[in-house]
C-alpha atoms as a PDB file:
ATOM      1  CA  MET A   1      -8.758 -36.211   5.196  1.00  0.00           C
ATOM      2  CA  ILE A   2      -7.045 -32.917   6.617  1.00  0.00           C
ATOM      3  CA  ASP A   3      -8.517 -31.794   9.385  1.00  0.00           C
ATOM      4  CA  VAL A   4      -9.128 -27.936   9.971  1.00  0.00           C
ATOM      5  CA  ASP A   5      -8.700 -26.510  13.185  1.00  0.00           C
ATOM      6  CA  ASP A   6     -11.610 -23.987  13.968  1.00  0.00           C
ATOM      7  CA  THR A   7      -9.589 -21.864  15.938  1.00  0.00           C
ATOM      8  CA  ALA A   8      -7.464 -21.191  13.355  1.00  0.00           C
ATOM      9  CA  LEU A   9      -9.359 -20.070  11.194  1.00  0.00           C
ATOM     10  CA  SER A  10     -11.720 -18.152  13.562  1.00  0.00           C
ATOM     11  CA  ALA A  11      -8.159 -16.219  14.447  1.00  0.00           C
ATOM     12  CA  THR A  12      -7.125 -15.484  11.032  1.00  0.00           C
ATOM     13  CA  SER A  13     -11.433 -13.919  10.186  1.00  0.00           C
ATOM     14  CA  ARG A  14     -10.919 -11.849  12.937  1.00  0.00           C
ATOM     15  CA  ARG A  15      -7.784 -10.848  12.015  1.00  0.00           C
ATOM     16  CA  HIS A  16      -8.804  -9.879   8.378  1.00  0.00           C
ATOM     17  CA  ALA A  17     -12.351  -9.108  10.485  1.00  0.00           C
ATOM     18  CA  GLY A  18     -10.096  -5.802  12.559  1.00  0.00           C
ATOM     19  CA  THR A  19      -8.342  -5.332   9.208  1.00  0.00           C
ATOM     20  CA  GLU A  20     -11.589  -4.000   7.746  1.00  0.00           C
ATOM     21  CA  ALA A  21     -12.924  -2.742  10.224  1.00  0.00           C
ATOM     22  CA  LEU A  22     -10.122  -0.194  10.372  1.00  0.00           C
ATOM     23  CA  ALA A  23     -10.162   0.062   6.926  1.00  0.00           C
ATOM     24  CA  SER A  24     -14.100   1.191   7.793  1.00  0.00           C
ATOM     25  CA  GLY A  25     -13.080   3.300   9.782  1.00  0.00           C
ATOM     26  CA  PHE A  26     -11.239   5.794   7.562  1.00  0.00           C
ATOM     27  CA  ILE A  27     -13.382   5.834   4.713  1.00  0.00           C
ATOM     28  CA  PRO A  28     -17.089   4.171   6.051  1.00  0.00           C
ATOM     29  CA  GLY A  29     -17.874   1.224   3.132  1.00  0.00           C
ATOM     30  CA  VAL A  30     -13.907   0.224   2.509  1.00  0.00           C
ATOM     31  CA  GLY A  31     -14.283  -2.418   5.239  1.00  0.00           C
ATOM     32  CA  GLN A  32     -17.467  -4.369   3.045  1.00  0.00           C
ATOM     33  CA  LEU A  33     -15.808  -3.491   0.062  1.00  0.00           C
ATOM     34  CA  LEU A  34     -12.897  -5.375   0.582  1.00  0.00           C
ATOM     35  CA  GLN A  35     -15.805  -8.170   1.965  1.00  0.00           C
ATOM     36  CA  ARG A  36     -17.686  -8.055  -1.715  1.00  0.00           C
ATOM     37  CA  ARG A  37     -20.034  -6.855  -0.076  1.00  0.00           C
ATOM     38  CA  ARG A  38     -21.092  -3.820  -2.929  1.00  0.00           C
ATOM     39  CA  LEU A  39     -24.109  -2.639  -2.144  1.00  0.00           C
ATOM     40  CA  ALA A  40     -23.941  -2.059   1.931  1.00  0.00           C
ATOM     41  CA  ALA A  41     -19.954  -0.154   0.765  1.00  0.00           C
ATOM     42  CA  ALA A  42     -22.168   1.647  -1.618  1.00  0.00           C
ATOM     43  CA  ILE A  43     -24.734   2.568   0.986  1.00  0.00           C
ATOM     44  CA  GLN A  44     -22.600   3.040   4.000  1.00  0.00           C
ATOM     45  CA  PHE A  45     -20.062   5.185   1.851  1.00  0.00           C
ATOM     46  CA  THR A  46     -22.972   7.786   0.540  1.00  0.00           C
ATOM     47  CA  THR A  47     -24.625   7.873   3.705  1.00  0.00           C
ATOM     48  CA  VAL A  48     -22.080   9.252   5.519  1.00  0.00           C
ATOM     49  CA  LEU A  49     -20.871  11.611   2.700  1.00  0.00           C
ATOM     50  CA  ALA A  50     -24.939  12.665   2.880  1.00  0.00           C
ATOM     51  CA  TYR A  51     -24.507  13.416   6.013  1.00  0.00           C
ATOM     52  CA  LEU A  52     -21.125  15.588   5.384  1.00  0.00           C
ATOM     53  CA  VAL A  53     -22.101  17.873   2.770  1.00  0.00           C
ATOM     54  CA  ILE A  54     -25.381  18.092   4.344  1.00  0.00           C
ATOM     55  CA  GLY A  55     -24.246  19.141   7.851  1.00  0.00           C
ATOM     56  CA  SER A  56     -21.152  21.218   6.218  1.00  0.00           C
ATOM     57  CA  ALA A  57     -23.789  22.979   3.513  1.00  0.00           C
ATOM     58  CA  SER A  58     -26.527  23.776   5.723  1.00  0.00           C
ATOM     59  CA  GLY A  59     -24.100  24.080   9.633  1.00  0.00           C
ATOM     60  CA  LEU A  60     -26.332  21.426  11.049  1.00  0.00           C
ATOM     61  CA  ARG A  61     -24.309  19.659  13.887  1.00  0.00           C
ATOM     62  CA  HIS A  62     -26.796  17.197  14.152  1.00  0.00           C
ATOM     63  CA  ALA A  63     -26.131  15.874  10.552  1.00  0.00           C
ATOM     64  CA  MET A  64     -22.308  15.807  11.147  1.00  0.00           C
ATOM     65  CA  LEU A  65     -23.322  13.448  14.688  1.00  0.00           C
ATOM     66  CA  PHE A  66     -25.285  11.360  12.107  1.00  0.00           C
ATOM     67  CA  ALA A  67     -22.186  10.958  10.166  1.00  0.00           C
ATOM     68  CA  PHE A  68     -19.961  10.170  12.529  1.00  0.00           C
ATOM     69  CA  LEU A  69     -22.197   7.603  13.987  1.00  0.00           C
ATOM     70  CA  TRP A  70     -23.390   6.095  10.814  1.00  0.00           C
ATOM     71  CA  ASN A  71     -19.560   5.849  10.558  1.00  0.00           C
ATOM     72  CA  CYS A  72     -19.237   3.728  14.012  1.00  0.00           C
ATOM     73  CA  TYR A  73     -22.014   1.556  12.644  1.00  0.00           C
ATOM     74  CA  SER A  74     -20.164   0.532   9.712  1.00  0.00           C
ATOM     75  CA  VAL A  75     -16.629   0.063  11.309  1.00  0.00           C
ATOM     76  CA  ILE A  76     -19.072  -2.750  13.892  1.00  0.00           C
ATOM     77  CA  ASP A  77     -20.996  -3.871  10.843  1.00  0.00           C
ATOM     78  CA  ALA A  78     -17.493  -4.942   8.988  1.00  0.00           C
ATOM     79  CA  TYR A  79     -16.157  -6.359  12.314  1.00  0.00           C
ATOM     80  CA  ARG A  80     -19.125  -8.289  12.914  1.00  0.00           C
ATOM     81  CA  TYR A  81     -19.999  -9.501   8.869  1.00  0.00           C
ATOM     82  CA  ARG A  82     -18.921 -13.384   8.352  1.00  0.00           C
ATOM     83  CA  ALA A  83     -19.562 -14.729   5.142  1.00  0.00           C
ATOM     84  CA  ASP A  84     -20.577 -18.720   6.134  1.00  0.00           C
END
């Protein structure tokens, strides 16, 4: 029987989570895509894109703020996700 060290697994999963969160910080949804969560990735990306388009087309700064906040949520979601 092979003993698996839980701390090594958690360190590896945290490193991957950090990489996926960083990727999601640059382009919303990429972290979720790396985690193979296609629906979550599509929702993250299209929501931020919609807020950016609405904000730039209408000049509403609130929409740009919502895009930034949703992008922050995307980073947090990618970091906290655990595939058990």
